[in-house]
Amino acid sequence: MRDPTRNPSAGDRSTLLGWTVVPAVLLAAWYVGAAWIDRPWLYPSPARVAEQLLHPLRDHFGLGSLAGNTLVSLVRVVLGFAVAVVFGVVLGLLLGCVRTLRGWFEPCVEILRPLCPIAWLPFAIAVFKLETVPQVFGVAHSGTILDHVQLGMIFILFWGGFFPIFTCTLDGVCGVRRNYISLARLLGAGRLQRFVHVYLPASLPMILTGFRQGIGTCWFVIIAAEMLPGSDSGIGYLLMYAADLCAMDVVIASMIIIGVIGALLNFAMRAAMRTFLRWHGKEI
């Protein structure tokens, strides 16, 4: 029964405020602060930053454009996240369904999980050096964006995205209700049928939660990794290079792009969860 005291439009109004009033106040404060400090090389005005954002294909310092470097970062994230999804879901399902394997590997996983992905950057540079994806297939230069996608970056992204996906998948499988499994056995379902029709659907909400956490971690990790030695492209690399040259309008424009893409990735995963999990929460 609907609560008569609850205003159904309250949530809509708060969302509208979040997208209009709050950004307008922050923008006004930015204008006032920039005019008061009057040092555009240190604190650029919103107009200078907007001018950079309105010309995303403009080359900066011979390193490429905002759009081009952002695309390089996104390709790296997609590839690293895809590898993390494959290994995280497969191992999570396997260890969740087979208790013996879980007992063998869980201590090792708990030791490795707290290691920050960025801490692996020196290891990745030493092992993979600057080898790119086309070079794995014997192509020195493919003439595509993949020439900027190093295996070391993919490894670091894999490490960052793997553990959220693996942990959520494992918890999802281990949290499947026992009465579901008992009922499947009673109906004569074999091991494979129980996996496909019981374990996998029941753990899907947690798996998609792991995806949402994993893609956010990958985006955070790639920006941090591109700021460290071993990178020669990407939006994080461009941001740090611009900071060294005191081009703060490019720095802030890069920061805005990073934040917007991070939010869009989160919204996309939330939309996917609503699409694939319409039944979730409706169980009796």
C-alpha atoms as a PDB file:
ATOM      1  CA  MET A   1       0.000   0.000   0.000  1.00  0.00           C
ATOM      2  CA  ARG A   2       1.395   3.412  -0.952  1.00  0.00           C
ATOM      3  CA  ASP A   3       2.232   5.783   1.866  1.00  0.00           C
ATOM      4  CA  PRO A   4      -0.158   8.765   1.463  1.00  0.00           C
ATOM      5  CA  THR A   5       2.305  11.088   3.220  1.00  0.00           C
ATOM      6  CA  ARG A   6       5.046  10.390   0.687  1.00  0.00           C
ATOM      7  CA  ASN A   7       5.452  12.958  -2.077  1.00  0.00           C
ATOM      8  CA  PRO A   8       6.090  11.038  -5.311  1.00  0.00           C
ATOM      9  CA  SER A   9       7.787  14.032  -6.938  1.00  0.00           C
ATOM     10  CA  ALA A  10      10.355  14.565  -4.152  1.00  0.00           C
ATOM     11  CA  GLY A  11      12.913  12.337  -5.813  1.00  0.00           C
ATOM     12  CA  ASP A  12      12.411  14.047  -9.167  1.00  0.00           C
ATOM     13  CA  ARG A  13      12.908  17.470  -7.617  1.00  0.00           C
ATOM     14  CA  SER A  14      16.108  16.425  -5.848  1.00  0.00           C
ATOM     15  CA  THR A  15      17.445  14.950  -9.098  1.00  0.00           C
ATOM     16  CA  LEU A  16      16.606  18.170 -10.928  1.00  0.00           C
ATOM     17  CA  LEU A  17      18.429  20.177  -8.275  1.00  0.00           C
ATOM     18  CA  GLY A  18      21.430  17.882  -8.581  1.00  0.00           C
ATOM     19  CA  TRP A  19      21.665  18.442 -12.327  1.00  0.00           C
ATOM     20  CA  THR A  20      20.865  22.170 -12.466  1.00  0.00           C
ATOM     21  CA  VAL A  21      21.119  24.238  -9.304  1.00  0.00           C
ATOM     22  CA  VAL A  22      24.195  22.625  -7.734  1.00  0.00           C
ATOM     23  CA  PRO A  23      26.309  22.761 -10.950  1.00  0.00           C
ATOM     24  CA  ALA A  24      25.180  26.357 -11.515  1.00  0.00           C
ATOM     25  CA  VAL A  25      26.316  27.357  -8.021  1.00  0.00           C
ATOM     26  CA  LEU A  26      29.684  25.633  -8.497  1.00  0.00           C
ATOM     27  CA  LEU A  27      30.118  27.287 -11.894  1.00  0.00           C
ATOM     28  CA  ALA A  28      29.348  30.705 -10.456  1.00  0.00           C
ATOM     29  CA  ALA A  29      31.863  30.153  -7.652  1.00  0.00           C
ATOM     30  CA  TRP A  30      34.434  29.122 -10.273  1.00  0.00           C
ATOM     31  CA  TYR A  31      33.832  32.353 -12.241  1.00  0.00           C
ATOM     32  CA  VAL A  32      34.167  34.489  -9.133  1.00  0.00           C
ATOM     33  CA  GLY A  33      37.298  32.675  -7.980  1.00  0.00           C
ATOM     34  CA  ALA A  34      38.980  32.962 -11.383  1.00  0.00           C
ATOM     35  CA  ALA A  35      38.187  36.703 -11.601  1.00  0.00           C
ATOM     36  CA  TRP A  36      39.437  37.307  -8.072  1.00  0.00           C
ATOM     37  CA  ILE A  37      42.723  35.393  -8.443  1.00  0.00           C
ATOM     38  CA  ASP A  38      43.280  36.719 -11.991  1.00  0.00           C
ATOM     39  CA  ARG A  39      46.026  34.222 -12.821  1.00  0.00           C
ATOM     40  CA  PRO A  40      44.791  32.233 -15.813  1.00  0.00           C
ATOM     41  CA  TRP A  41      47.927  30.085 -15.950  1.00  0.00           C
ATOM     42  CA  LEU A  42      47.175  28.953 -12.390  1.00  0.00           C
ATOM     43  CA  TYR A  43      43.386  29.195 -12.142  1.00  0.00           C
ATOM     44  CA  PRO A  44      41.801  29.444 -15.615  1.00  0.00           C
ATOM     45  CA  SER A  45      38.290  30.738 -16.045  1.00  0.00           C
ATOM     46  CA  PRO A  46      35.444  28.452 -17.123  1.00  0.00           C
ATOM     47  CA  ALA A  47      35.496  30.176 -20.527  1.00  0.00           C
ATOM     48  CA  ARG A  48      39.122  29.133 -21.165  1.00  0.00           C
ATOM     49  CA  VAL A  49      38.391  25.531 -20.148  1.00  0.00           C
ATOM     50  CA  ALA A  50      35.201  25.474 -22.212  1.00  0.00           C
ATOM     51  CA  GLU A  51      37.202  26.690 -25.217  1.00  0.00           C
ATOM     52  CA  GLN A  52      39.408  23.593 -24.893  1.00  0.00           C
ATOM     53  CA  LEU A  53      36.423  21.295 -24.528  1.00  0.00           C
ATOM     54  CA  LEU A  54      34.749  22.808 -27.582  1.00  0.00           C
ATOM     55  CA  HIS A  55      37.821  21.933 -29.679  1.00  0.00           C
ATOM     56  CA  PRO A  56      38.509  18.311 -28.660  1.00  0.00           C
ATOM     57  CA  LEU A  57      40.467  17.572 -31.865  1.00  0.00           C
ATOM     58  CA  ARG A  58      43.039  20.317 -31.336  1.00  0.00           C
ATOM     59  CA  ASP A  59      46.585  19.010 -30.967  1.00  0.00           C
ATOM     60  CA  HIS A  60      48.350  19.727 -27.670  1.00  0.00           C
ATOM     61  CA  PHE A  61      52.139  19.808 -27.349  1.00  0.00           C
ATOM     62  CA  GLY A  62      52.536  17.325 -30.203  1.00  0.00           C
ATOM     63  CA  LEU A  63      50.912  14.609 -28.057  1.00  0.00           C
ATOM     64  CA  GLY A  64      47.584  14.493 -29.825  1.00  0.00           C
ATOM     65  CA  SER A  65      44.166  15.869 -29.007  1.00  0.00           C
ATOM     66  CA  LEU A  66      41.903  15.519 -26.002  1.00  0.00           C
ATOM     67  CA  ALA A  67      39.604  13.252 -28.004  1.00  0.00           C
ATOM     68  CA  GLY A  68      42.434  11.099 -29.350  1.00  0.00           C
ATOM     69  CA  ASN A  69      44.077  10.554 -25.962  1.00  0.00           C
ATOM     70  CA  THR A  70      40.723   9.857 -24.346  1.00  0.00           C
ATOM     71  CA  LEU A  71      40.008   7.230 -27.007  1.00  0.00           C
ATOM     72  CA  VAL A  72      43.378   5.565 -26.298  1.00  0.00           C
ATOM     73  CA  SER A  73      42.516   5.364 -22.593  1.00  0.00           C
ATOM     74  CA  LEU A  74      39.060   3.950 -23.335  1.00  0.00           C
ATOM     75  CA  VAL A  75      40.434   1.254 -25.650  1.00  0.00           C
ATOM     76  CA  ARG A  76      42.915   0.228 -22.972  1.00  0.00           C
ATOM     77  CA  VAL A  77      40.145   0.072 -20.379  1.00  0.00           C
ATOM     78  CA  VAL A  78      37.820  -1.965 -22.596  1.00  0.00           C
ATOM     79  CA  LEU A  79      40.501  -4.547 -23.375  1.00  0.00           C
ATOM     80  CA  GLY A  80      41.734  -4.812 -19.795  1.00  0.00           C
ATOM     81  CA  PHE A  81      38.192  -4.981 -18.437  1.00  0.00           C
ATOM     82  CA  ALA A  82      37.265  -7.702 -20.950  1.00  0.00           C
ATOM     83  CA  VAL A  83      40.180  -9.860 -19.807  1.00  0.00           C
ATOM     84  CA  ALA A  84      39.231  -9.243 -16.165  1.00  0.00           C
ATOM     85  CA  VAL A  85      35.611 -10.243 -16.886  1.00  0.00           C
ATOM     86  CA  VAL A  86      36.621 -13.536 -18.502  1.00  0.00           C
ATOM     87  CA  PHE A  87      38.987 -14.620 -15.738  1.00  0.00           C
ATOM     88  CA  GLY A  88      36.983 -13.113 -12.869  1.00  0.00           C
ATOM     89  CA  VAL A  89      33.657 -14.690 -13.808  1.00  0.00           C
ATOM     90  CA  VAL A  90      35.079 -18.089 -14.773  1.00  0.00           C
ATOM     91  CA  LEU A  91      37.218 -18.452 -11.646  1.00  0.00           C
ATOM     92  CA  GLY A  92      34.500 -17.015  -9.402  1.00  0.00           C
ATOM     93  CA  LEU A  93      31.921 -19.479 -10.694  1.00  0.00           C
ATOM     94  CA  LEU A  94      34.374 -22.377 -10.540  1.00  0.00           C
ATOM     95  CA  LEU A  95      35.567 -21.730  -7.001  1.00  0.00           C
ATOM     96  CA  GLY A  96      32.043 -20.949  -5.860  1.00  0.00           C
ATOM     97  CA  CYS A  97      30.679 -24.249  -7.150  1.00  0.00           C
ATOM     98  CA  VAL A  98      33.617 -26.467  -6.147  1.00  0.00           C
ATOM     99  CA  ARG A  99      34.323 -26.142  -2.426  1.00  0.00           C
ATOM    100  CA  THR A 100      37.616 -28.052  -2.624  1.00  0.00           C
ATOM    101  CA  LEU A 101      39.072 -25.608  -5.134  1.00  0.00           C
ATOM    102  CA  ARG A 102      37.873 -22.711  -3.015  1.00  0.00           C
ATOM    103  CA  GLY A 103      39.780 -24.077  -0.046  1.00  0.00           C
ATOM    104  CA  TRP A 104      42.949 -24.390  -2.111  1.00  0.00           C
ATOM    105  CA  PHE A 105      42.967 -20.992  -3.779  1.00  0.00           C
ATOM    106  CA  GLU A 106      41.158 -18.656  -1.379  1.00  0.00           C
ATOM    107  CA  PRO A 107      44.199 -18.020   0.901  1.00  0.00           C
ATOM    108  CA  CYS A 108      46.308 -17.072  -2.119  1.00  0.00           C
ATOM    109  CA  VAL A 109      43.580 -14.781  -3.436  1.00  0.00           C
ATOM    110  CA  GLU A 110      43.258 -13.025  -0.083  1.00  0.00           C
ATOM    111  CA  ILE A 111      47.012 -12.352  -0.052  1.00  0.00           C
ATOM    112  CA  LEU A 112      47.071 -10.934  -3.580  1.00  0.00           C
ATOM    113  CA  ARG A 113      43.818  -8.950  -3.416  1.00  0.00           C
ATOM    114  CA  PRO A 114      45.097  -6.043  -1.239  1.00  0.00           C
ATOM    115  CA  LEU A 115      47.972  -5.306  -3.637  1.00  0.00           C
ATOM    116  CA  CYS A 116      47.360  -1.998  -5.412  1.00  0.00           C
ATOM    117  CA  PRO A 117      47.328  -2.364  -9.219  1.00  0.00           C
ATOM    118  CA  ILE A 118      49.641   0.632  -9.601  1.00  0.00           C
ATOM    119  CA  ALA A 119      52.260  -1.180  -7.513  1.00  0.00           C
ATOM    120  CA  TRP A 120      52.529  -3.667 -10.379  1.00  0.00           C
ATOM    121  CA  LEU A 121      53.560  -0.988 -12.881  1.00  0.00           C
ATOM    122  CA  PRO A 122      57.361  -1.511 -12.490  1.00  0.00           C
ATOM    123  CA  PHE A 123      56.808  -5.261 -12.819  1.00  0.00           C
ATOM    124  CA  ALA A 124      54.660  -4.775 -15.922  1.00  0.00           C
ATOM    125  CA  ILE A 125      57.252  -2.499 -17.530  1.00  0.00           C
ATOM    126  CA  ALA A 126      60.058  -4.979 -16.791  1.00  0.00           C
ATOM    127  CA  VAL A 127      58.153  -8.020 -18.082  1.00  0.00           C
ATOM    128  CA  PHE A 128      56.163  -6.612 -20.988  1.00  0.00           C
ATOM    129  CA  LYS A 129      58.397  -3.578 -21.650  1.00  0.00           C
ATOM    130  CA  LEU A 130      56.553  -1.390 -24.192  1.00  0.00           C
ATOM    131  CA  GLU A 131      55.222  -4.255 -26.287  1.00  0.00           C
ATOM    132  CA  THR A 132      51.875  -3.438 -27.864  1.00  0.00           C
ATOM    133  CA  VAL A 133      48.943  -5.599 -28.868  1.00  0.00           C
ATOM    134  CA  PRO A 134      49.829  -5.703 -32.613  1.00  0.00           C
ATOM    135  CA  GLN A 135      53.382  -6.803 -31.752  1.00  0.00           C
ATOM    136  CA  VAL A 136      51.973  -9.916 -30.093  1.00  0.00           C
ATOM    137  CA  PHE A 137      50.748 -10.960 -33.535  1.00  0.00           C
ATOM    138  CA  GLY A 138      54.036 -10.074 -35.211  1.00  0.00           C
ATOM    139  CA  VAL A 139      52.936  -6.674 -36.555  1.00  0.00           C
ATOM    140  CA  ALA A 140      55.384  -3.910 -35.683  1.00  0.00           C
ATOM    141  CA  HIS A 141      53.050  -1.032 -36.567  1.00  0.00           C
ATOM    142  CA  SER A 142      49.422  -1.617 -37.484  1.00  0.00           C
ATOM    143  CA  GLY A 143      48.642   2.040 -38.107  1.00  0.00           C
ATOM    144  CA  THR A 144      45.710   1.820 -35.688  1.00  0.00           C
ATOM    145  CA  ILE A 145      45.015   2.966 -32.166  1.00  0.00           C
ATOM    146  CA  LEU A 146      46.170  -0.455 -30.924  1.00  0.00           C
ATOM    147  CA  ASP A 147      49.761   0.709 -31.461  1.00  0.00           C
ATOM    148  CA  HIS A 148      49.269   2.748 -28.264  1.00  0.00           C
ATOM    149  CA  VAL A 149      47.820  -0.143 -26.229  1.00  0.00           C
ATOM    150  CA  GLN A 150      50.667  -1.732 -24.300  1.00  0.00           C
ATOM    151  CA  LEU A 151      50.401  -5.190 -22.780  1.00  0.00           C
ATOM    152  CA  GLY A 152      51.683  -3.820 -19.486  1.00  0.00           C
ATOM    153  CA  MET A 153      48.733  -1.429 -19.299  1.00  0.00           C
ATOM    154  CA  ILE A 154      46.306  -4.266 -20.033  1.00  0.00           C
ATOM    155  CA  PHE A 155      47.892  -6.350 -17.274  1.00  0.00           C
ATOM    156  CA  ILE A 156      47.505  -3.536 -14.746  1.00  0.00           C
ATOM    157  CA  LEU A 157      43.891  -2.991 -15.788  1.00  0.00           C
ATOM    158  CA  PHE A 158      43.243  -6.716 -15.568  1.00  0.00           C
ATOM    159  CA  TRP A 159      44.616  -6.724 -12.043  1.00  0.00           C
ATOM    160  CA  GLY A 160      42.484  -3.770 -11.034  1.00  0.00           C
ATOM    161  CA  GLY A 161      39.245  -5.138 -12.481  1.00  0.00           C
ATOM    162  CA  PHE A 162      39.752  -8.816 -11.704  1.00  0.00           C
ATOM    163  CA  PHE A 163      39.312  -8.847  -7.931  1.00  0.00           C
ATOM    164  CA  PRO A 164      36.024  -6.892  -7.697  1.00  0.00           C
ATOM    165  CA  ILE A 165      34.535  -9.133 -10.404  1.00  0.00           C
ATOM    166  CA  PHE A 166      35.963 -12.327  -8.939  1.00  0.00           C
ATOM    167  CA  THR A 167      34.941 -11.490  -5.365  1.00  0.00           C
ATOM    168  CA  CYS A 168      31.388 -10.494  -6.275  1.00  0.00           C
ATOM    169  CA  THR A 169      30.968 -13.571  -8.479  1.00  0.00           C
ATOM    170  CA  LEU A 170      32.265 -15.854  -5.734  1.00  0.00           C
ATOM    171  CA  ASP A 171      30.013 -14.245  -3.118  1.00  0.00           C
ATOM    172  CA  GLY A 172      27.058 -14.494  -5.502  1.00  0.00           C
ATOM    173  CA  VAL A 173      27.566 -18.213  -6.070  1.00  0.00           C
ATOM    174  CA  CYS A 174      28.183 -18.930  -2.398  1.00  0.00           C
ATOM    175  CA  GLY A 175      25.043 -16.975  -1.509  1.00  0.00           C
ATOM    176  CA  VAL A 176      22.678 -19.020  -3.690  1.00  0.00           C
ATOM    177  CA  ARG A 177      19.808 -20.272  -1.556  1.00  0.00           C
ATOM    178  CA  ARG A 178      20.143 -23.890  -0.588  1.00  0.00           C
ATOM    179  CA  ASN A 179      16.459 -24.563  -1.221  1.00  0.00           C
ATOM    180  CA  TYR A 180      16.969 -23.633  -4.894  1.00  0.00           C
ATOM    181  CA  ILE A 181      19.680 -26.259  -5.221  1.00  0.00           C
ATOM    182  CA  SER A 182      17.695 -28.868  -3.269  1.00  0.00           C
ATOM    183  CA  LEU A 183      14.651 -28.287  -5.438  1.00  0.00           C
ATOM    184  CA  ALA A 184      16.736 -28.634  -8.613  1.00  0.00           C
ATOM    185  CA  ARG A 185      18.148 -31.937  -7.355  1.00  0.00           C
ATOM    186  CA  LEU A 186      14.672 -33.118  -6.452  1.00  0.00           C
ATOM    187  CA  LEU A 187      13.546 -32.405  -9.996  1.00  0.00           C
ATOM    188  CA  GLY A 188      16.425 -34.460 -11.353  1.00  0.00           C
ATOM    189  CA  ALA A 189      18.713 -31.655 -12.539  1.00  0.00           C
ATOM    190  CA  GLY A 190      22.289 -32.749 -13.141  1.00  0.00           C
ATOM    191  CA  ARG A 191      25.404 -30.810 -12.150  1.00  0.00           C
ATOM    192  CA  LEU A 192      25.566 -28.863 -15.437  1.00  0.00           C
ATOM    193  CA  GLN A 193      21.836 -28.089 -15.356  1.00  0.00           C
ATOM    194  CA  ARG A 194      22.099 -26.826 -11.792  1.00  0.00           C
ATOM    195  CA  PHE A 195      24.985 -24.599 -12.818  1.00  0.00           C
ATOM    196  CA  VAL A 196      23.210 -23.133 -15.854  1.00  0.00           C
ATOM    197  CA  HIS A 197      19.699 -22.813 -14.429  1.00  0.00           C
ATOM    198  CA  VAL A 198      20.354 -22.221 -10.718  1.00  0.00           C
ATOM    199  CA  TYR A 199      23.827 -20.980  -9.836  1.00  0.00           C
ATOM    200  CA  LEU A 200      24.314 -18.634 -12.789  1.00  0.00           C
ATOM    201  CA  PRO A 201      20.927 -16.830 -12.713  1.00  0.00           C
ATOM    202  CA  ALA A 202      20.877 -16.573  -8.918  1.00  0.00           C
ATOM    203  CA  SER A 203      24.375 -15.094  -8.785  1.00  0.00           C
ATOM    204  CA  LEU A 204      23.819 -12.695 -11.716  1.00  0.00           C
ATOM    205  CA  PRO A 205      22.976  -9.654  -9.518  1.00  0.00           C
ATOM    206  CA  MET A 206      26.295  -9.965  -7.708  1.00  0.00           C
ATOM    207  CA  ILE A 207      28.162 -10.619 -10.965  1.00  0.00           C
ATOM    208  CA  LEU A 208      26.817  -7.411 -12.504  1.00  0.00           C
ATOM    209  CA  THR A 209      27.651  -5.557  -9.295  1.00  0.00           C
ATOM    210  CA  GLY A 210      31.209  -6.792  -9.756  1.00  0.00           C
ATOM    211  CA  PHE A 211      31.146  -5.508 -13.332  1.00  0.00           C
ATOM    212  CA  ARG A 212      30.086  -2.076 -12.123  1.00  0.00           C
ATOM    213  CA  GLN A 213      32.840  -1.969  -9.521  1.00  0.00           C
ATOM    214  CA  GLY A 214      35.387  -3.424 -11.916  1.00  0.00           C
ATOM    215  CA  ILE A 215      34.835  -0.931 -14.743  1.00  0.00           C
ATOM    216  CA  GLY A 216      35.092   1.955 -12.275  1.00  0.00           C
ATOM    217  CA  THR A 217      38.332   0.551 -10.878  1.00  0.00           C
ATOM    218  CA  CYS A 218      39.745   0.054 -14.368  1.00  0.00           C
ATOM    219  CA  TRP A 219      39.026   3.654 -15.327  1.00  0.00           C
ATOM    220  CA  PHE A 220      40.632   4.913 -12.123  1.00  0.00           C
ATOM    221  CA  VAL A 221      43.647   2.644 -12.572  1.00  0.00           C
ATOM    222  CA  ILE A 222      44.348   3.581 -16.204  1.00  0.00           C
ATOM    223  CA  ILE A 223      44.358   7.304 -15.405  1.00  0.00           C
ATOM    224  CA  ALA A 224      46.790   6.753 -12.539  1.00  0.00           C
ATOM    225  CA  ALA A 225      48.965   4.388 -14.597  1.00  0.00           C
ATOM    226  CA  GLU A 226      49.212   6.868 -17.470  1.00  0.00           C
ATOM    227  CA  MET A 227      50.594   9.457 -15.075  1.00  0.00           C
ATOM    228  CA  LEU A 228      53.572   7.237 -14.235  1.00  0.00           C
ATOM    229  CA  PRO A 229      56.691   6.391 -16.303  1.00  0.00           C
ATOM    230  CA  GLY A 230      56.115   3.907 -19.080  1.00  0.00           C
ATOM    231  CA  SER A 231      53.214   5.668 -20.794  1.00  0.00           C
ATOM    232  CA  ASP A 232      53.388   7.859 -23.872  1.00  0.00           C
ATOM    233  CA  SER A 233      49.709   8.582 -24.518  1.00  0.00           C
ATOM    234  CA  GLY A 234      46.304   8.660 -22.896  1.00  0.00           C
ATOM    235  CA  ILE A 235      44.263  11.319 -21.152  1.00  0.00           C
ATOM    236  CA  GLY A 236      46.164  10.816 -17.877  1.00  0.00           C
ATOM    237  CA  TYR A 237      49.500  11.280 -19.636  1.00  0.00           C
ATOM    238  CA  LEU A 238      48.266  14.417 -21.379  1.00  0.00           C
ATOM    239  CA  LEU A 239      47.019  15.794 -18.048  1.00  0.00           C
ATOM    240  CA  MET A 240      50.403  15.365 -16.352  1.00  0.00           C
ATOM    241  CA  TYR A 241      52.319  16.757 -19.336  1.00  0.00           C
ATOM    242  CA  ALA A 242      50.063  19.818 -19.420  1.00  0.00           C
ATOM    243  CA  ALA A 243      50.523  20.287 -15.662  1.00  0.00           C
ATOM    244  CA  ASP A 244      54.310  20.327 -16.096  1.00  0.00           C
ATOM    245  CA  LEU A 245      53.872  23.132 -18.655  1.00  0.00           C
ATOM    246  CA  CYS A 246      51.386  25.020 -16.434  1.00  0.00           C
ATOM    247  CA  ALA A 247      48.659  24.653 -19.084  1.00  0.00           C
ATOM    248  CA  MET A 248      45.961  24.490 -16.443  1.00  0.00           C
ATOM    249  CA  ASP A 249      43.114  24.963 -18.911  1.00  0.00           C
ATOM    250  CA  VAL A 250      44.122  21.667 -20.555  1.00  0.00           C
ATOM    251  CA  VAL A 251      44.545  20.065 -17.119  1.00  0.00           C
ATOM    252  CA  ILE A 252      41.064  21.030 -15.951  1.00  0.00           C
ATOM    253  CA  ALA A 253      39.523  20.091 -19.304  1.00  0.00           C
ATOM    254  CA  SER A 254      41.148  16.656 -18.959  1.00  0.00           C
ATOM    255  CA  MET A 255      39.842  16.342 -15.404  1.00  0.00           C
ATOM    256  CA  ILE A 256      36.312  17.163 -16.556  1.00  0.00           C
ATOM    257  CA  ILE A 257      36.543  14.551 -19.324  1.00  0.00           C
ATOM    258  CA  ILE A 258      37.793  11.942 -16.838  1.00  0.00           C
ATOM    259  CA  GLY A 259      34.958  12.682 -14.428  1.00  0.00           C
ATOM    260  CA  VAL A 260      32.250  12.705 -17.104  1.00  0.00           C
ATOM    261  CA  ILE A 261      33.390   9.420 -18.650  1.00  0.00           C
ATOM    262  CA  GLY A 262      33.611   7.812 -15.215  1.00  0.00           C
ATOM    263  CA  ALA A 263      30.038   8.899 -14.491  1.00  0.00           C
ATOM    264  CA  LEU A 264      28.835   7.674 -17.900  1.00  0.00           C
ATOM    265  CA  LEU A 265      30.423   4.264 -17.336  1.00  0.00           C
ATOM    266  CA  ASN A 266      28.664   4.032 -13.990  1.00  0.00           C
ATOM    267  CA  PHE A 267      25.306   5.075 -15.467  1.00  0.00           C
ATOM    268  CA  ALA A 268      25.738   2.546 -18.282  1.00  0.00           C
ATOM    269  CA  MET A 269      26.353  -0.282 -15.822  1.00  0.00           C
ATOM    270  CA  ARG A 270      23.359   0.793 -13.722  1.00  0.00           C
ATOM    271  CA  ALA A 271      21.175   0.791 -16.841  1.00  0.00           C
ATOM    272  CA  ALA A 272      22.439  -2.681 -17.758  1.00  0.00           C
ATOM    273  CA  MET A 273      21.634  -3.935 -14.257  1.00  0.00           C
ATOM    274  CA  ARG A 274      18.101  -2.550 -14.456  1.00  0.00           C
ATOM    275  CA  THR A 275      17.651  -4.193 -17.866  1.00  0.00           C
ATOM    276  CA  PHE A 276      18.946  -7.644 -16.985  1.00  0.00           C
ATOM    277  CA  LEU A 277      17.709  -7.747 -13.395  1.00  0.00           C
ATOM    278  CA  ARG A 278      14.113  -6.607 -13.657  1.00  0.00           C
ATOM    279  CA  TRP A 279      13.103  -9.721 -11.766  1.00  0.00           C
ATOM    280  CA  HIS A 280      15.497  -9.045  -8.887  1.00  0.00           C
ATOM    281  CA  GLY A 281      13.810  -8.079  -5.649  1.00  0.00           C
ATOM    282  CA  LYS A 282      10.446  -9.461  -6.794  1.00  0.00           C
ATOM    283  CA  GLU A 283      10.922 -12.906  -5.291  1.00  0.00           C
ATOM    284  CA  ILE A 284       8.386 -14.026  -2.719  1.00  0.00           C
END
